[in-house]
Protein backbone atom coordinates (compact mmCIF):
# COMPACT_ATOMS: atom_id res chain seq x y z
CA UNK A 1 0.00 0.00 0.00
CA UNK A 2 1.33 3.40 -0.95
CA UNK A 3 0.61 6.76 0.64
CA UNK A 4 -0.47 8.58 -2.54
CA UNK A 5 -1.46 8.23 -6.22
CA UNK A 6 -4.18 5.60 -5.64
CA UNK A 7 -1.91 2.84 -4.41
CA UNK A 8 -4.25 0.72 -2.31
CA UNK A 9 -3.34 -2.81 -1.35
CA UNK A 10 -5.77 -5.63 -2.15
CA UNK A 11 -6.81 -8.87 -0.54
CA UNK A 12 -9.51 -11.42 -1.31
CA UNK A 13 -11.70 -13.54 0.93
CA UNK A 14 -11.23 -17.28 0.61
CA UNK A 15 -14.65 -18.52 1.69
CA UNK A 16 -18.23 -17.59 2.46
CA UNK A 17 -18.74 -16.48 6.03
CA UNK A 18 -18.67 -13.67 8.53
CA UNK A 19 -15.45 -11.81 9.29
CA UNK A 20 -15.07 -10.86 12.95
CA UNK A 21 -11.62 -9.25 12.57
CA UNK A 22 -8.69 -8.53 10.29
CA UNK A 23 -5.13 -8.77 11.52
CA UNK A 24 -2.63 -6.65 9.59
CA UNK A 25 0.97 -7.76 10.16
CA UNK A 26 3.67 -5.32 9.09
CA UNK A 27 6.32 -6.87 6.83
CA UNK A 28 8.32 -3.90 5.55
CA UNK A 29 8.24 -0.23 4.57
CA UNK A 30 6.95 2.99 6.06
CA UNK A 31 4.49 5.70 5.05
CA UNK A 32 4.13 9.34 5.99
CA UNK A 33 1.98 12.41 5.45
CA UNK A 34 4.76 14.94 5.85
CA UNK A 35 8.27 14.88 4.49
CA UNK A 36 9.81 14.72 7.96
CA UNK A 37 7.92 11.78 9.49
CA UNK A 38 7.06 8.14 8.76
CA UNK A 39 5.49 5.16 10.49
CA UNK A 40 4.10 1.71 9.72
CA UNK A 41 0.39 2.64 9.86
CA UNK A 42 0.08 6.43 10.12
CA UNK A 43 1.55 9.83 9.47
CA UNK A 44 4.19 9.88 12.19
CA UNK A 45 5.10 8.15 15.44
CA UNK A 46 1.85 8.63 17.36
CA UNK A 47 -1.35 6.90 18.45
CA UNK A 48 -3.16 7.95 15.25
CA UNK A 49 -3.77 5.39 12.49
CA UNK A 50 -4.34 6.26 8.82
CA UNK A 51 -5.31 2.77 7.57
CA UNK A 52 -8.77 2.26 6.04
CA UNK A 53 -10.34 -0.94 4.72
CA UNK A 54 -12.79 -0.63 1.82
CA UNK A 55 -14.77 -2.92 -0.41
CA UNK A 56 -14.07 -3.07 -4.15
CA UNK A 57 -16.14 0.11 -4.65
CA UNK A 58 -13.99 2.01 -2.14
CA UNK A 59 -16.75 2.21 0.47
CA UNK A 60 -15.12 2.16 3.90
CA UNK A 61 -15.88 -0.94 5.98
CA UNK A 62 -13.30 -0.22 8.72
CA UNK A 63 -13.43 1.79 10.86
CA UNK A 64 -17.09 0.82 10.97
CA UNK A 65 -18.34 4.29 11.83
CA UNK A 66 -16.09 6.19 9.45
CA UNK A 67 -17.01 9.85 9.13
CA UNK A 68 -14.41 11.05 6.64
CA UNK A 69 -11.61 11.77 9.08
CA UNK A 70 -7.97 11.13 8.16
CA UNK A 71 -7.04 9.39 11.37
CA UNK A 72 -8.48 7.46 14.28
CA UNK A 73 -7.19 5.67 17.36
CA UNK A 74 -7.44 2.01 18.22
CA UNK A 75 -6.93 1.16 21.92
CA UNK A 76 -3.72 -0.82 22.44
CA UNK A 77 -2.18 0.09 19.08
CA UNK A 78 -0.03 2.91 17.69
CA UNK A 79 1.15 3.92 14.25
CA UNK A 80 4.29 1.82 14.83
CA UNK A 81 2.73 -1.32 16.30
CA UNK A 82 4.06 -4.51 14.65
CA UNK A 83 0.47 -5.48 13.81
CA UNK A 84 -3.08 -4.15 14.03
CA UNK A 85 -6.20 -6.07 15.03
CA UNK A 86 -9.25 -4.52 13.39
CA UNK A 87 -12.38 -5.98 14.98
CA UNK A 88 -15.94 -5.63 13.73
CA UNK A 89 -18.76 -5.13 16.24
CA UNK A 90 -21.11 -6.66 13.66
CA UNK A 91 -19.34 -9.38 11.63
CA UNK A 92 -18.81 -8.50 7.98
CA UNK A 93 -20.66 -10.97 5.73
CA UNK A 94 -18.58 -12.02 2.71
CA UNK A 95 -18.56 -14.40 -0.21
CA UNK A 96 -15.59 -16.35 -1.55
CA UNK A 97 -13.29 -14.29 -3.77
CA UNK A 98 -14.61 -10.92 -2.63
CA UNK A 99 -12.09 -8.07 -3.04
CA UNK A 100 -11.19 -5.68 -0.26
CA UNK A 101 -8.65 -2.87 -0.26
CA UNK A 102 -6.27 -1.38 2.29
CA UNK A 103 -5.86 2.38 1.86
CA UNK A 104 -3.82 5.16 3.35
CA UNK A 105 -6.66 7.52 4.33
CA UNK A 106 -5.33 10.66 2.64
CA UNK A 107 -4.74 8.70 -0.58
CA UNK A 108 -8.30 7.33 -0.63
CA UNK A 109 -9.70 10.81 -0.05
CA UNK A 110 -7.17 12.52 -2.39
CA UNK A 111 -6.72 14.97 0.46
CA UNK A 112 -3.40 16.72 1.17
CA UNK A 113 -1.47 13.84 -0.36
CA UNK A 114 1.05 16.09 -2.18
CA UNK A 115 3.64 15.55 0.58
CA UNK A 116 2.76 11.91 1.32
CA UNK A 117 5.45 9.35 0.65
CA UNK A 118 6.45 5.75 1.09
CA UNK A 119 4.80 2.37 0.93
CA UNK A 120 4.26 -0.39 3.44
CA UNK A 121 3.87 -4.12 2.90
CA UNK A 122 1.66 -6.17 5.18
CA UNK A 123 0.10 -9.58 5.54
CA UNK A 124 -3.68 -9.56 5.97
CA UNK A 125 -5.11 -12.36 8.08
CA UNK A 126 -8.88 -12.73 7.82
CA UNK A 127 -10.48 -14.03 11.03
CA UNK A 128 -13.91 -15.60 10.53
CA UNK A 129 -16.62 -15.92 13.18
CA UNK A 130 -17.45 -19.41 14.31
C-alpha atoms as a PDB file:
ATOM      1  CA  UNK A   1       0.000   0.000   0.000  1.00  0.00           C
ATOM      2  CA  UNK A   2       1.334   3.400  -0.946  1.00  0.00           C
ATOM      3  CA  UNK A   3       0.612   6.764   0.643  1.00  0.00           C
ATOM      4  CA  UNK A   4      -0.467   8.581  -2.539  1.00  0.00           C
ATOM      5  CA  UNK A   5      -1.461   8.228  -6.225  1.00  0.00           C
ATOM      6  CA  UNK A   6      -4.184   5.602  -5.644  1.00  0.00           C
ATOM      7  CA  UNK A   7      -1.907   2.836  -4.414  1.00  0.00           C
ATOM      8  CA  UNK A   8      -4.250   0.721  -2.312  1.00  0.00           C
ATOM      9  CA  UNK A   9      -3.344  -2.808  -1.351  1.00  0.00           C
ATOM     10  CA  UNK A  10      -5.769  -5.631  -2.148  1.00  0.00           C
ATOM     11  CA  UNK A  11      -6.805  -8.872  -0.542  1.00  0.00           C
ATOM     12  CA  UNK A  12      -9.505 -11.422  -1.313  1.00  0.00           C
ATOM     13  CA  UNK A  13     -11.699 -13.535   0.932  1.00  0.00           C
ATOM     14  CA  UNK A  14     -11.234 -17.281   0.606  1.00  0.00           C
ATOM     15  CA  UNK A  15     -14.648 -18.515   1.688  1.00  0.00           C
ATOM     16  CA  UNK A  16     -18.229 -17.587   2.464  1.00  0.00           C
ATOM     17  CA  UNK A  17     -18.742 -16.483   6.031  1.00  0.00           C
ATOM     18  CA  UNK A  18     -18.669 -13.669   8.529  1.00  0.00           C
ATOM     19  CA  UNK A  19     -15.448 -11.810   9.289  1.00  0.00           C
ATOM     20  CA  UNK A  20     -15.068 -10.858  12.946  1.00  0.00           C
ATOM     21  CA  UNK A  21     -11.619  -9.255  12.574  1.00  0.00           C
ATOM     22  CA  UNK A  22      -8.691  -8.527  10.293  1.00  0.00           C
ATOM     23  CA  UNK A  23      -5.132  -8.771  11.516  1.00  0.00           C
ATOM     24  CA  UNK A  24      -2.629  -6.647   9.587  1.00  0.00           C
ATOM     25  CA  UNK A  25       0.965  -7.763  10.157  1.00  0.00           C
ATOM     26  CA  UNK A  26       3.668  -5.322   9.085  1.00  0.00           C
ATOM     27  CA  UNK A  27       6.323  -6.866   6.833  1.00  0.00           C
ATOM     28  CA  UNK A  28       8.319  -3.902   5.546  1.00  0.00           C
ATOM     29  CA  UNK A  29       8.238  -0.235   4.566  1.00  0.00           C
ATOM     30  CA  UNK A  30       6.950   2.985   6.064  1.00  0.00           C
ATOM     31  CA  UNK A  31       4.487   5.699   5.049  1.00  0.00           C
ATOM     32  CA  UNK A  32       4.125   9.343   5.994  1.00  0.00           C
ATOM     33  CA  UNK A  33       1.976  12.407   5.448  1.00  0.00           C
ATOM     34  CA  UNK A  34       4.764  14.944   5.853  1.00  0.00           C
ATOM     35  CA  UNK A  35       8.270  14.884   4.490  1.00  0.00           C
ATOM     36  CA  UNK A  36       9.815  14.716   7.964  1.00  0.00           C
ATOM     37  CA  UNK A  37       7.924  11.777   9.489  1.00  0.00           C
ATOM     38  CA  UNK A  38       7.063   8.138   8.759  1.00  0.00           C
ATOM     39  CA  UNK A  39       5.490   5.159  10.487  1.00  0.00           C
ATOM     40  CA  UNK A  40       4.097   1.712   9.717  1.00  0.00           C
ATOM     41  CA  UNK A  41       0.394   2.644   9.863  1.00  0.00           C
ATOM     42  CA  UNK A  42       0.085   6.433  10.123  1.00  0.00           C
ATOM     43  CA  UNK A  43       1.551   9.829   9.466  1.00  0.00           C
ATOM     44  CA  UNK A  44       4.192   9.881  12.190  1.00  0.00           C
ATOM     45  CA  UNK A  45       5.095   8.148  15.444  1.00  0.00           C
ATOM     46  CA  UNK A  46       1.848   8.633  17.364  1.00  0.00           C
ATOM     47  CA  UNK A  47      -1.351   6.896  18.449  1.00  0.00           C
ATOM     48  CA  UNK A  48      -3.159   7.950  15.247  1.00  0.00           C
ATOM     49  CA  UNK A  49      -3.767   5.393  12.488  1.00  0.00           C
ATOM     50  CA  UNK A  50      -4.337   6.259   8.817  1.00  0.00           C
ATOM     51  CA  UNK A  51      -5.310   2.771   7.567  1.00  0.00           C
ATOM     52  CA  UNK A  52      -8.767   2.259   6.038  1.00  0.00           C
ATOM     53  CA  UNK A  53     -10.341  -0.941   4.719  1.00  0.00           C
ATOM     54  CA  UNK A  54     -12.788  -0.630   1.824  1.00  0.00           C
ATOM     55  CA  UNK A  55     -14.771  -2.920  -0.409  1.00  0.00           C
ATOM     56  CA  UNK A  56     -14.066  -3.066  -4.149  1.00  0.00           C
ATOM     57  CA  UNK A  57     -16.144   0.107  -4.650  1.00  0.00           C
ATOM     58  CA  UNK A  58     -13.985   2.012  -2.136  1.00  0.00           C
ATOM     59  CA  UNK A  59     -16.754   2.212   0.465  1.00  0.00           C
ATOM     60  CA  UNK A  60     -15.115   2.162   3.900  1.00  0.00           C
ATOM     61  CA  UNK A  61     -15.885  -0.939   5.985  1.00  0.00           C
ATOM     62  CA  UNK A  62     -13.297  -0.215   8.723  1.00  0.00           C
ATOM     63  CA  UNK A  63     -13.427   1.792  10.858  1.00  0.00           C
ATOM     64  CA  UNK A  64     -17.091   0.823  10.971  1.00  0.00           C
ATOM     65  CA  UNK A  65     -18.344   4.292  11.832  1.00  0.00           C
ATOM     66  CA  UNK A  66     -16.086   6.194   9.453  1.00  0.00           C
ATOM     67  CA  UNK A  67     -17.011   9.853   9.131  1.00  0.00           C
ATOM     68  CA  UNK A  68     -14.413  11.054   6.641  1.00  0.00           C
ATOM     69  CA  UNK A  69     -11.611  11.771   9.083  1.00  0.00           C
ATOM     70  CA  UNK A  70      -7.974  11.127   8.162  1.00  0.00           C
ATOM     71  CA  UNK A  71      -7.036   9.391  11.369  1.00  0.00           C
ATOM     72  CA  UNK A  72      -8.476   7.456  14.280  1.00  0.00           C
ATOM     73  CA  UNK A  73      -7.195   5.672  17.358  1.00  0.00           C
ATOM     74  CA  UNK A  74      -7.444   2.011  18.224  1.00  0.00           C
ATOM     75  CA  UNK A  75      -6.927   1.160  21.916  1.00  0.00           C
ATOM     76  CA  UNK A  76      -3.723  -0.817  22.438  1.00  0.00           C
ATOM     77  CA  UNK A  77      -2.181   0.087  19.079  1.00  0.00           C
ATOM     78  CA  UNK A  78      -0.029   2.906  17.687  1.00  0.00           C
ATOM     79  CA  UNK A  79       1.153   3.923  14.252  1.00  0.00           C
ATOM     80  CA  UNK A  80       4.287   1.819  14.827  1.00  0.00           C
ATOM     81  CA  UNK A  81       2.730  -1.322  16.301  1.00  0.00           C
ATOM     82  CA  UNK A  82       4.060  -4.506  14.646  1.00  0.00           C
ATOM     83  CA  UNK A  83       0.473  -5.476  13.810  1.00  0.00           C
ATOM     84  CA  UNK A  84      -3.078  -4.152  14.027  1.00  0.00           C
ATOM     85  CA  UNK A  85      -6.198  -6.070  15.035  1.00  0.00           C
ATOM     86  CA  UNK A  86      -9.247  -4.522  13.391  1.00  0.00           C
ATOM     87  CA  UNK A  87     -12.379  -5.979  14.978  1.00  0.00           C
ATOM     88  CA  UNK A  88     -15.940  -5.633  13.731  1.00  0.00           C
ATOM     89  CA  UNK A  89     -18.761  -5.134  16.240  1.00  0.00           C
ATOM     90  CA  UNK A  90     -21.105  -6.663  13.663  1.00  0.00           C
ATOM     91  CA  UNK A  91     -19.342  -9.376  11.632  1.00  0.00           C
ATOM     92  CA  UNK A  92     -18.811  -8.503   7.975  1.00  0.00           C
ATOM     93  CA  UNK A  93     -20.660 -10.971   5.733  1.00  0.00           C
ATOM     94  CA  UNK A  94     -18.580 -12.024   2.714  1.00  0.00           C
ATOM     95  CA  UNK A  95     -18.565 -14.399  -0.215  1.00  0.00           C
ATOM     96  CA  UNK A  96     -15.590 -16.347  -1.552  1.00  0.00           C
ATOM     97  CA  UNK A  97     -13.288 -14.287  -3.765  1.00  0.00           C
ATOM     98  CA  UNK A  98     -14.607 -10.915  -2.630  1.00  0.00           C
ATOM     99  CA  UNK A  99     -12.088  -8.074  -3.044  1.00  0.00           C
ATOM    100  CA  UNK A 100     -11.190  -5.676  -0.258  1.00  0.00           C
ATOM    101  CA  UNK A 101      -8.649  -2.868  -0.260  1.00  0.00           C
ATOM    102  CA  UNK A 102      -6.267  -1.379   2.285  1.00  0.00           C
ATOM    103  CA  UNK A 103      -5.861   2.380   1.861  1.00  0.00           C
ATOM    104  CA  UNK A 104      -3.816   5.163   3.354  1.00  0.00           C
ATOM    105  CA  UNK A 105      -6.658   7.517   4.333  1.00  0.00           C
ATOM    106  CA  UNK A 106      -5.329  10.665   2.635  1.00  0.00           C
ATOM    107  CA  UNK A 107      -4.738   8.697  -0.579  1.00  0.00           C
ATOM    108  CA  UNK A 108      -8.301   7.330  -0.634  1.00  0.00           C
ATOM    109  CA  UNK A 109      -9.700  10.805  -0.050  1.00  0.00           C
ATOM    110  CA  UNK A 110      -7.167  12.522  -2.389  1.00  0.00           C
ATOM    111  CA  UNK A 111      -6.717  14.974   0.457  1.00  0.00           C
ATOM    112  CA  UNK A 112      -3.397  16.724   1.173  1.00  0.00           C
ATOM    113  CA  UNK A 113      -1.475  13.835  -0.361  1.00  0.00           C
ATOM    114  CA  UNK A 114       1.052  16.086  -2.180  1.00  0.00           C
ATOM    115  CA  UNK A 115       3.635  15.555   0.581  1.00  0.00           C
ATOM    116  CA  UNK A 116       2.760  11.913   1.322  1.00  0.00           C
ATOM    117  CA  UNK A 117       5.455   9.353   0.655  1.00  0.00           C
ATOM    118  CA  UNK A 118       6.447   5.751   1.094  1.00  0.00           C
ATOM    119  CA  UNK A 119       4.803   2.373   0.933  1.00  0.00           C
ATOM    120  CA  UNK A 120       4.259  -0.389   3.437  1.00  0.00           C
ATOM    121  CA  UNK A 121       3.866  -4.118   2.898  1.00  0.00           C
ATOM    122  CA  UNK A 122       1.658  -6.169   5.178  1.00  0.00           C
ATOM    123  CA  UNK A 123       0.104  -9.583   5.539  1.00  0.00           C
ATOM    124  CA  UNK A 124      -3.677  -9.562   5.966  1.00  0.00           C
ATOM    125  CA  UNK A 125      -5.107 -12.365   8.081  1.00  0.00           C
ATOM    126  CA  UNK A 126      -8.884 -12.731   7.821  1.00  0.00           C
ATOM    127  CA  UNK A 127     -10.485 -14.027  11.030  1.00  0.00           C
ATOM    128  CA  UNK A 128     -13.907 -15.603  10.528  1.00  0.00           C
ATOM    129  CA  UNK A 129     -16.620 -15.915  13.183  1.00  0.00           C
ATOM    130  CA  UNK A 130     -17.452 -19.406  14.314  1.00  0.00           C
END
